[in-house]
C-alpha atoms as a PDB file:
ATOM      1  CA  UNK A   1      96.053  47.402 106.213  1.00  0.00           C
ATOM      2  CA  UNK A   2      96.676  48.887 103.208  1.00  0.00           C
ATOM      3  CA  UNK A   3      94.097  51.611 103.308  1.00  0.00           C
ATOM      4  CA  UNK A   4      95.848  53.072 106.280  1.00  0.00           C
ATOM      5  CA  UNK A   5      99.319  53.487 105.126  1.00  0.00           C
ATOM      6  CA  UNK A   6      98.152  55.533 102.630  1.00  0.00           C
ATOM      7  CA  UNK A   7      96.551  57.614 104.307  1.00  0.00           C
ATOM      8  CA  UNK A   8      99.482  57.952 106.497  1.00  0.00           C
ATOM      9  CA  UNK A   9     101.819  58.107 103.765  1.00  0.00           C
ATOM     10  CA  UNK A  10      99.891  60.765 101.850  1.00  0.00           C
ATOM     11  CA  UNK A  11      99.614  62.612 105.391  1.00  0.00           C
ATOM     12  CA  UNK A  12     103.914  62.535 105.306  1.00  0.00           C
ATOM     13  CA  UNK A  13     104.171  63.741 101.373  1.00  0.00           C
ATOM     14  CA  UNK A  14     101.476  66.387 101.550  1.00  0.00           C
ATOM     15  CA  UNK A  15     103.557  68.700 104.172  1.00  0.00           C
ATOM     16  CA  UNK A  16     106.344  67.885 101.510  1.00  0.00           C
ATOM     17  CA  UNK A  17     104.757  69.057  98.958  1.00  0.00           C
ATOM     18  CA  UNK A  18     104.036  72.222 100.550  1.00  0.00           C
ATOM     19  CA  UNK A  19     107.313  72.819 101.302  1.00  0.00           C
ATOM     20  CA  UNK A  20     108.255  72.065  97.696  1.00  0.00           C
ATOM     21  CA  UNK A  21     105.840  74.548  95.899  1.00  0.00           C
ATOM     22  CA  UNK A  22     106.537  77.053  98.490  1.00  0.00           C
ATOM     23  CA  UNK A  23     110.208  77.038  97.941  1.00  0.00           C
ATOM     24  CA  UNK A  24     109.623  77.004  94.485  1.00  0.00           C
ATOM     25  CA  UNK A  25     108.049  80.360  94.688  1.00  0.00           C
ATOM     26  CA  UNK A  26     109.845  81.378  96.985  1.00  0.00           C
ATOM     27  CA  UNK A  27     112.921  81.096  94.634  1.00  0.00           C
ATOM     28  CA  UNK A  28     110.656  82.000  91.280  1.00  0.00           C
ATOM     29  CA  UNK A  29     110.375  85.632  92.929  1.00  0.00           C
ATOM     30  CA  UNK A  30     113.445  86.240  94.161  1.00  0.00           C
ATOM     31  CA  UNK A  31     114.410  85.247  90.851  1.00  0.00           C
ATOM     32  CA  UNK A  32     112.460  88.180  89.462  1.00  0.00           C
ATOM     33  CA  UNK A  33     113.771  90.396  92.091  1.00  0.00           C
ATOM     34  CA  UNK A  34     117.313  89.634  90.697  1.00  0.00           C
ATOM     35  CA  UNK A  35     116.206  90.227  87.290  1.00  0.00           C
ATOM     36  CA  UNK A  36     114.370  93.359  87.698  1.00  0.00           C
ATOM     37  CA  UNK A  37     117.856  94.681  89.807  1.00  0.00           C
ATOM     38  CA  UNK A  38     120.317  93.204  86.713  1.00  0.00           C
ATOM     39  CA  UNK A  39     117.954  95.949  84.634  1.00  0.00           C
ATOM     40  CA  UNK A  40     118.214  98.537  86.466  1.00  0.00           C
ATOM     41  CA  UNK A  41     122.284  97.717  86.831  1.00  0.00           C
ATOM     42  CA  UNK A  42     122.532  97.339  83.314  1.00  0.00           C
ATOM     43  CA  UNK A  43     121.236 100.479  82.776  1.00  0.00           C
ATOM     44  CA  UNK A  44     123.455 103.062  81.816  1.00  0.00           C
ATOM     45  CA  UNK A  45     122.821 106.466  80.441  1.00  0.00           C
ATOM     46  CA  UNK A  46     125.426 108.938  78.808  1.00  0.00           C
ATOM     47  CA  UNK A  47     124.708 112.190  79.355  1.00  0.00           C
ATOM     48  CA  UNK A  48     124.492 114.885  75.853  1.00  0.00           C
ATOM     49  CA  UNK A  49     124.729 118.349  75.838  1.00  0.00           C
ATOM     50  CA  UNK A  50     121.566 120.466  75.786  1.00  0.00           C
ATOM     51  CA  UNK A  51     120.752 124.364  75.294  1.00  0.00           C
ATOM     52  CA  UNK A  52     121.293 126.246  78.146  1.00  0.00           C
ATOM     53  CA  UNK A  53     124.838 124.122  79.204  1.00  0.00           C
ATOM     54  CA  UNK A  54     127.572 125.605  80.468  1.00  0.00           C
ATOM     55  CA  UNK A  55     131.085 123.870  78.792  1.00  0.00           C
ATOM     56  CA  UNK A  56     134.190 124.577  79.449  1.00  0.00           C
ATOM     57  CA  UNK A  57     136.344 123.770  76.370  1.00  0.00           C
ATOM     58  CA  UNK A  58     140.088 123.036  77.491  1.00  0.00           C
ATOM     59  CA  UNK A  59     142.869 123.326  74.572  1.00  0.00           C
ATOM     60  CA  UNK A  60     146.415 121.169  75.803  1.00  0.00           C
ATOM     61  CA  UNK A  61     149.040 123.975  76.021  1.00  0.00           C
ATOM     62  CA  UNK A  62     146.752 126.526  74.188  1.00  0.00           C
ATOM     63  CA  UNK A  63     144.993 128.558  76.914  1.00  0.00           C
ATOM     64  CA  UNK A  64     144.278 131.628  74.731  1.00  0.00           C
ATOM     65  CA  UNK A  65     141.422 129.090  72.781  1.00  0.00           C
ATOM     66  CA  UNK A  66     140.655 127.250  75.995  1.00  0.00           C
ATOM     67  CA  UNK A  67     137.189 129.236  76.917  1.00  0.00           C
ATOM     68  CA  UNK A  68     134.125 128.951  78.944  1.00  0.00           C
ATOM     69  CA  UNK A  69     131.205 129.271  76.789  1.00  0.00           C
ATOM     70  CA  UNK A  70     127.145 128.492  77.025  1.00  0.00           C
ATOM     71  CA  UNK A  71     125.313 126.395  74.352  1.00  0.00           C
ATOM     72  CA  UNK A  72     122.942 129.204  72.507  1.00  0.00           C
ATOM     73  CA  UNK A  73     119.354 128.091  72.448  1.00  0.00           C
ATOM     74  CA  UNK A  74     119.745 126.757  68.233  1.00  0.00           C
ATOM     75  CA  UNK A  75     121.897 123.928  70.083  1.00  0.00           C
ATOM     76  CA  UNK A  76     125.270 125.748  68.789  1.00  0.00           C
ATOM     77  CA  UNK A  77     128.135 127.625  70.831  1.00  0.00           C
ATOM     78  CA  UNK A  78     130.849 130.001  69.279  1.00  0.00           C
ATOM     79  CA  UNK A  79     135.012 129.611  70.338  1.00  0.00           C
ATOM     80  CA  UNK A  80     137.885 132.133  69.078  1.00  0.00           C
ATOM     81  CA  UNK A  81     138.839 129.898  66.294  1.00  0.00           C
ATOM     82  CA  UNK A  82     135.130 127.455  65.796  1.00  0.00           C
ATOM     83  CA  UNK A  83     132.261 129.456  64.682  1.00  0.00           C
ATOM     84  CA  UNK A  84     128.503 128.024  64.929  1.00  0.00           C
ATOM     85  CA  UNK A  85     129.745 124.064  65.928  1.00  0.00           C
ATOM     86  CA  UNK A  86     126.410 122.508  66.907  1.00  0.00           C
ATOM     87  CA  UNK A  87     126.809 120.546  70.616  1.00  0.00           C
ATOM     88  CA  UNK A  88     123.765 120.288  71.512  1.00  0.00           C
ATOM     89  CA  UNK A  89     122.945 116.322  71.726  1.00  0.00           C
ATOM     90  CA  UNK A  90     126.460 115.442  71.520  1.00  0.00           C
ATOM     91  CA  UNK A  91     128.403 113.884  74.567  1.00  0.00           C
ATOM     92  CA  UNK A  92     131.320 115.982  76.152  1.00  0.00           C
ATOM     93  CA  UNK A  93     133.704 113.404  74.393  1.00  0.00           C
ATOM     94  CA  UNK A  94     131.879 113.917  70.817  1.00  0.00           C
ATOM     95  CA  UNK A  95     132.114 117.626  71.123  1.00  0.00           C
ATOM     96  CA  UNK A  96     135.574 117.397  72.143  1.00  0.00           C
ATOM     97  CA  UNK A  97     136.683 115.235  68.947  1.00  0.00           C
ATOM     98  CA  UNK A  98     134.504 117.942  66.706  1.00  0.00           C
ATOM     99  CA  UNK A  99     136.560 120.686  67.581  1.00  0.00           C
ATOM    100  CA  UNK A 100     139.348 119.543  67.441  1.00  0.00           C
ATOM    101  CA  UNK A 101     138.730 118.625  63.620  1.00  0.00           C
ATOM    102  CA  UNK A 102     137.939 122.259  63.500  1.00  0.00           C
ATOM    103  CA  UNK A 103     140.826 123.445  64.991  1.00  0.00           C
ATOM    104  CA  UNK A 104     143.391 121.609  62.664  1.00  0.00           C
ATOM    105  CA  UNK A 105     143.255 124.397  60.200  1.00  0.00           C
ATOM    106  CA  UNK A 106     144.824 126.824  62.781  1.00  0.00           C
ATOM    107  CA  UNK A 107     146.481 124.232  65.635  1.00  0.00           C
ATOM    108  CA  UNK A 108     148.738 121.264  65.204  1.00  0.00           C
ATOM    109  CA  UNK A 109     147.305 118.389  66.531  1.00  0.00           C
ATOM    110  CA  UNK A 110     145.193 119.939  69.146  1.00  0.00           C
ATOM    111  CA  UNK A 111     143.915 118.163  72.347  1.00  0.00           C
ATOM    112  CA  UNK A 112     140.647 119.173  72.926  1.00  0.00           C
ATOM    113  CA  UNK A 113     138.779 118.144  76.444  1.00  0.00           C
ATOM    114  CA  UNK A 114     135.348 119.522  77.321  1.00  0.00           C
ATOM    115  CA  UNK A 115     133.343 119.011  80.750  1.00  0.00           C
ATOM    116  CA  UNK A 116     129.320 120.260  81.203  1.00  0.00           C
ATOM    117  CA  UNK A 117     129.425 122.707  84.051  1.00  0.00           C
ATOM    118  CA  UNK A 118     126.080 123.970  84.374  1.00  0.00           C
ATOM    119  CA  UNK A 119     123.281 121.039  83.078  1.00  0.00           C
ATOM    120  CA  UNK A 120     119.900 121.596  81.425  1.00  0.00           C
ATOM    121  CA  UNK A 121     120.291 118.944  78.750  1.00  0.00           C
ATOM    122  CA  UNK A 122     118.213 118.300  75.763  1.00  0.00           C
ATOM    123  CA  UNK A 123     114.573 118.718  76.024  1.00  0.00           C
ATOM    124  CA  UNK A 124     114.389 114.874  75.248  1.00  0.00           C
ATOM    125  CA  UNK A 125     116.552 113.729  78.024  1.00  0.00           C
ATOM    126  CA  UNK A 126     114.740 115.827  80.746  1.00  0.00           C
ATOM    127  CA  UNK A 127     112.505 114.600  83.190  1.00  0.00           C
ATOM    128  CA  UNK A 128     108.930 117.561  83.432  1.00  0.00           C
ATOM    129  CA  UNK A 129     107.190 117.397  87.204  1.00  0.00           C
ATOM    130  CA  UNK A 130     104.148 119.024  86.259  1.00  0.00           C
ATOM    131  CA  UNK A 131     100.533 119.467  88.682  1.00  0.00           C
ATOM    132  CA  UNK A 132     100.801 119.714  91.933  1.00  0.00           C
ATOM    133  CA  UNK A 133     104.235 120.202  93.202  1.00  0.00           C
ATOM    134  CA  UNK A 134     105.069 123.092  95.312  1.00  0.00           C
ATOM    135  CA  UNK A 135     107.868 124.058  92.591  1.00  0.00           C
ATOM    136  CA  UNK A 136     107.181 122.462  89.084  1.00  0.00           C
ATOM    137  CA  UNK A 137     109.961 122.331  86.550  1.00  0.00           C
ATOM    138  CA  UNK A 138     112.157 120.365  84.375  1.00  0.00           C
ATOM    139  CA  UNK A 139     115.121 119.210  85.203  1.00  0.00           C
ATOM    140  CA  UNK A 140     118.343 117.228  83.929  1.00  0.00           C
ATOM    141  CA  UNK A 141     118.334 113.996  84.022  1.00  0.00           C
ATOM    142  CA  UNK A 142     120.960 112.117  86.204  1.00  0.00           C
ATOM    143  CA  UNK A 143     122.534 109.017  86.845  1.00  0.00           C
ATOM    144  CA  UNK A 144     120.579 106.763  89.290  1.00  0.00           C
ATOM    145  CA  UNK A 145     117.700 109.557  89.688  1.00  0.00           C
ATOM    146  CA  UNK A 146     115.192 108.163  91.354  1.00  0.00           C
ATOM    147  CA  UNK A 147     111.598 109.341  92.459  1.00  0.00           C
ATOM    148  CA  UNK A 148     112.678 110.850  95.630  1.00  0.00           C
ATOM    149  CA  UNK A 149     115.409 112.399  94.296  1.00  0.00           C
ATOM    150  CA  UNK A 150     113.185 114.202  91.713  1.00  0.00           C
ATOM    151  CA  UNK A 151     110.220 115.010  94.377  1.00  0.00           C
ATOM    152  CA  UNK A 152     113.469 116.518  96.781  1.00  0.00           C
ATOM    153  CA  UNK A 153     114.214 118.724  93.909  1.00  0.00           C
ATOM    154  CA  UNK A 154     110.564 120.089  92.916  1.00  0.00           C
ATOM    155  CA  UNK A 155     110.411 120.816  97.200  1.00  0.00           C
ATOM    156  CA  UNK A 156     107.919 118.365  97.967  1.00  0.00           C
ATOM    157  CA  UNK A 157     104.093 118.199  97.103  1.00  0.00           C
ATOM    158  CA  UNK A 158     101.816 121.302  97.960  1.00  0.00           C
ATOM    159  CA  UNK A 159      98.631 120.423 100.377  1.00  0.00           C
ATOM    160  CA  UNK A 160      96.198 120.176  97.371  1.00  0.00           C
ATOM    161  CA  UNK A 161      98.123 117.332  95.628  1.00  0.00           C
ATOM    162  CA  UNK A 162      96.549 113.860  95.574  1.00  0.00           C
ATOM    163  CA  UNK A 163     100.164 112.034  96.436  1.00  0.00           C
ATOM    164  CA  UNK A 164      98.866 108.187  95.782  1.00  0.00           C
ATOM    165  CA  UNK A 165      97.504 109.225  92.583  1.00  0.00           C
ATOM    166  CA  UNK A 166     100.365 110.264  90.668  1.00  0.00           C
ATOM    167  CA  UNK A 167     101.928 108.506  87.633  1.00  0.00           C
ATOM    168  CA  UNK A 168     104.778 108.414  85.217  1.00  0.00           C
ATOM    169  CA  UNK A 169     104.702 108.951  82.007  1.00  0.00           C
ATOM    170  CA  UNK A 170     107.221 107.255  80.497  1.00  0.00           C
ATOM    171  CA  UNK A 171     108.126 106.584  76.727  1.00  0.00           C
ATOM    172  CA  UNK A 172     108.949 102.896  76.222  1.00  0.00           C
ATOM    173  CA  UNK A 173     109.648 102.124  72.845  1.00  0.00           C
ATOM    174  CA  UNK A 174     108.049 104.359  70.826  1.00  0.00           C
ATOM    175  CA  UNK A 175     104.960 104.063  73.449  1.00  0.00           C
ATOM    176  CA  UNK A 176     103.912 106.261  76.239  1.00  0.00           C
ATOM    177  CA  UNK A 177     103.332 103.936  79.089  1.00  0.00           C
ATOM    178  CA  UNK A 178     101.587 105.198  82.659  1.00  0.00           C
ATOM    179  CA  UNK A 179     102.486 104.299  86.069  1.00  0.00           C
ATOM    180  CA  UNK A 180     101.229 104.594  89.365  1.00  0.00           C
ATOM    181  CA  UNK A 181     103.466 105.922  91.610  1.00  0.00           C
ATOM    182  CA  UNK A 182     102.577 106.269  95.687  1.00  0.00           C
ATOM    183  CA  UNK A 183     104.030 109.653  96.689  1.00  0.00           C
ATOM    184  CA  UNK A 184     102.172 110.225  99.811  1.00  0.00           C
ATOM    185  CA  UNK A 185     103.898 107.050 101.274  1.00  0.00           C
ATOM    186  CA  UNK A 186     107.335 107.744  99.809  1.00  0.00           C
ATOM    187  CA  UNK A 187     107.242 110.946 101.353  1.00  0.00           C
ATOM    188  CA  UNK A 188     104.687 110.944 104.074  1.00  0.00           C
ATOM    189  CA  UNK A 189     105.116 106.978 105.550  1.00  0.00           C
ATOM    190  CA  UNK A 190     108.584 106.423 104.517  1.00  0.00           C
ATOM    191  CA  UNK A 191     107.806 103.572 102.024  1.00  0.00           C
ATOM    192  CA  UNK A 192     110.567 103.003 100.096  1.00  0.00           C
ATOM    193  CA  UNK A 193     109.052 100.194  98.512  1.00  0.00           C
ATOM    194  CA  UNK A 194     106.658 103.334  96.837  1.00  0.00           C
ATOM    195  CA  UNK A 195     110.247 104.949  95.447  1.00  0.00           C
ATOM    196  CA  UNK A 196     112.056 103.951  91.651  1.00  0.00           C
ATOM    197  CA  UNK A 197     114.670 105.181  88.843  1.00  0.00           C
ATOM    198  CA  UNK A 198     113.686 107.701  86.534  1.00  0.00           C
ATOM    199  CA  UNK A 199     114.518 107.681  83.142  1.00  0.00           C
ATOM    200  CA  UNK A 200     115.127 110.646  80.781  1.00  0.00           C
ATOM    201  CA  UNK A 201     112.528 111.863  79.395  1.00  0.00           C
ATOM    202  CA  UNK A 202     109.668 110.804  81.925  1.00  0.00           C
ATOM    203  CA  UNK A 203     106.844 112.857  83.105  1.00  0.00           C
ATOM    204  CA  UNK A 204     106.061 113.102  86.785  1.00  0.00           C
ATOM    205  CA  UNK A 205     101.959 113.981  86.779  1.00  0.00           C
ATOM    206  CA  UNK A 206     100.717 114.812  90.760  1.00  0.00           C
ATOM    207  CA  UNK A 207      97.059 116.067  90.421  1.00  0.00           C
ATOM    208  CA  UNK A 208      94.744 117.561  92.449  1.00  0.00           C
ATOM    209  CA  UNK A 209      93.045 115.844  95.213  1.00  0.00           C
ATOM    210  CA  UNK A 210      89.385 116.143  95.183  1.00  0.00           C
ATOM    211  CA  UNK A 211      88.559 117.285  98.445  1.00  0.00           C
END
């Protein structure tokens, strides 16, 4: 009688135990997903000016010194009252403060606003696409940019591309990591799980198919 009771009790407990294990596994998976989403949401990128950018410099109540200028290959700009001012590597706010400081010699309490009109960005913050893309090129990174955005910007893949063998080379804490990506699944099958957020400095490598 006791053995039968033990068997009956074990049969009752076994489904409950399985349910508990599944629930814990589901919670762990959900927790990991929420952690990844939180990390993605916490990632913030502040654009830094680079050679080739075009910037608009507006000086309040001073239209004569308000100007649109390109950033030279050496990373500097020249304005009517300021020559050879370093712009590359700075945010628009940082550059505005530098211009204000330089203009104090000529204008009392200048107020400057800098807006980036055409983006190129420093090399370290561009996203480069090499291999079997329709238009391999370097792209300026923009906040929230995804793998799909990059593929669209380069016109998709060539007919010789092996999309599911592609990879993203990323610098993480000073070390290069190779992240496999599935471009065929993303583009041809519309599998959005193959999409991923991009980072400044990423290199998308698209190899050629073997056949």
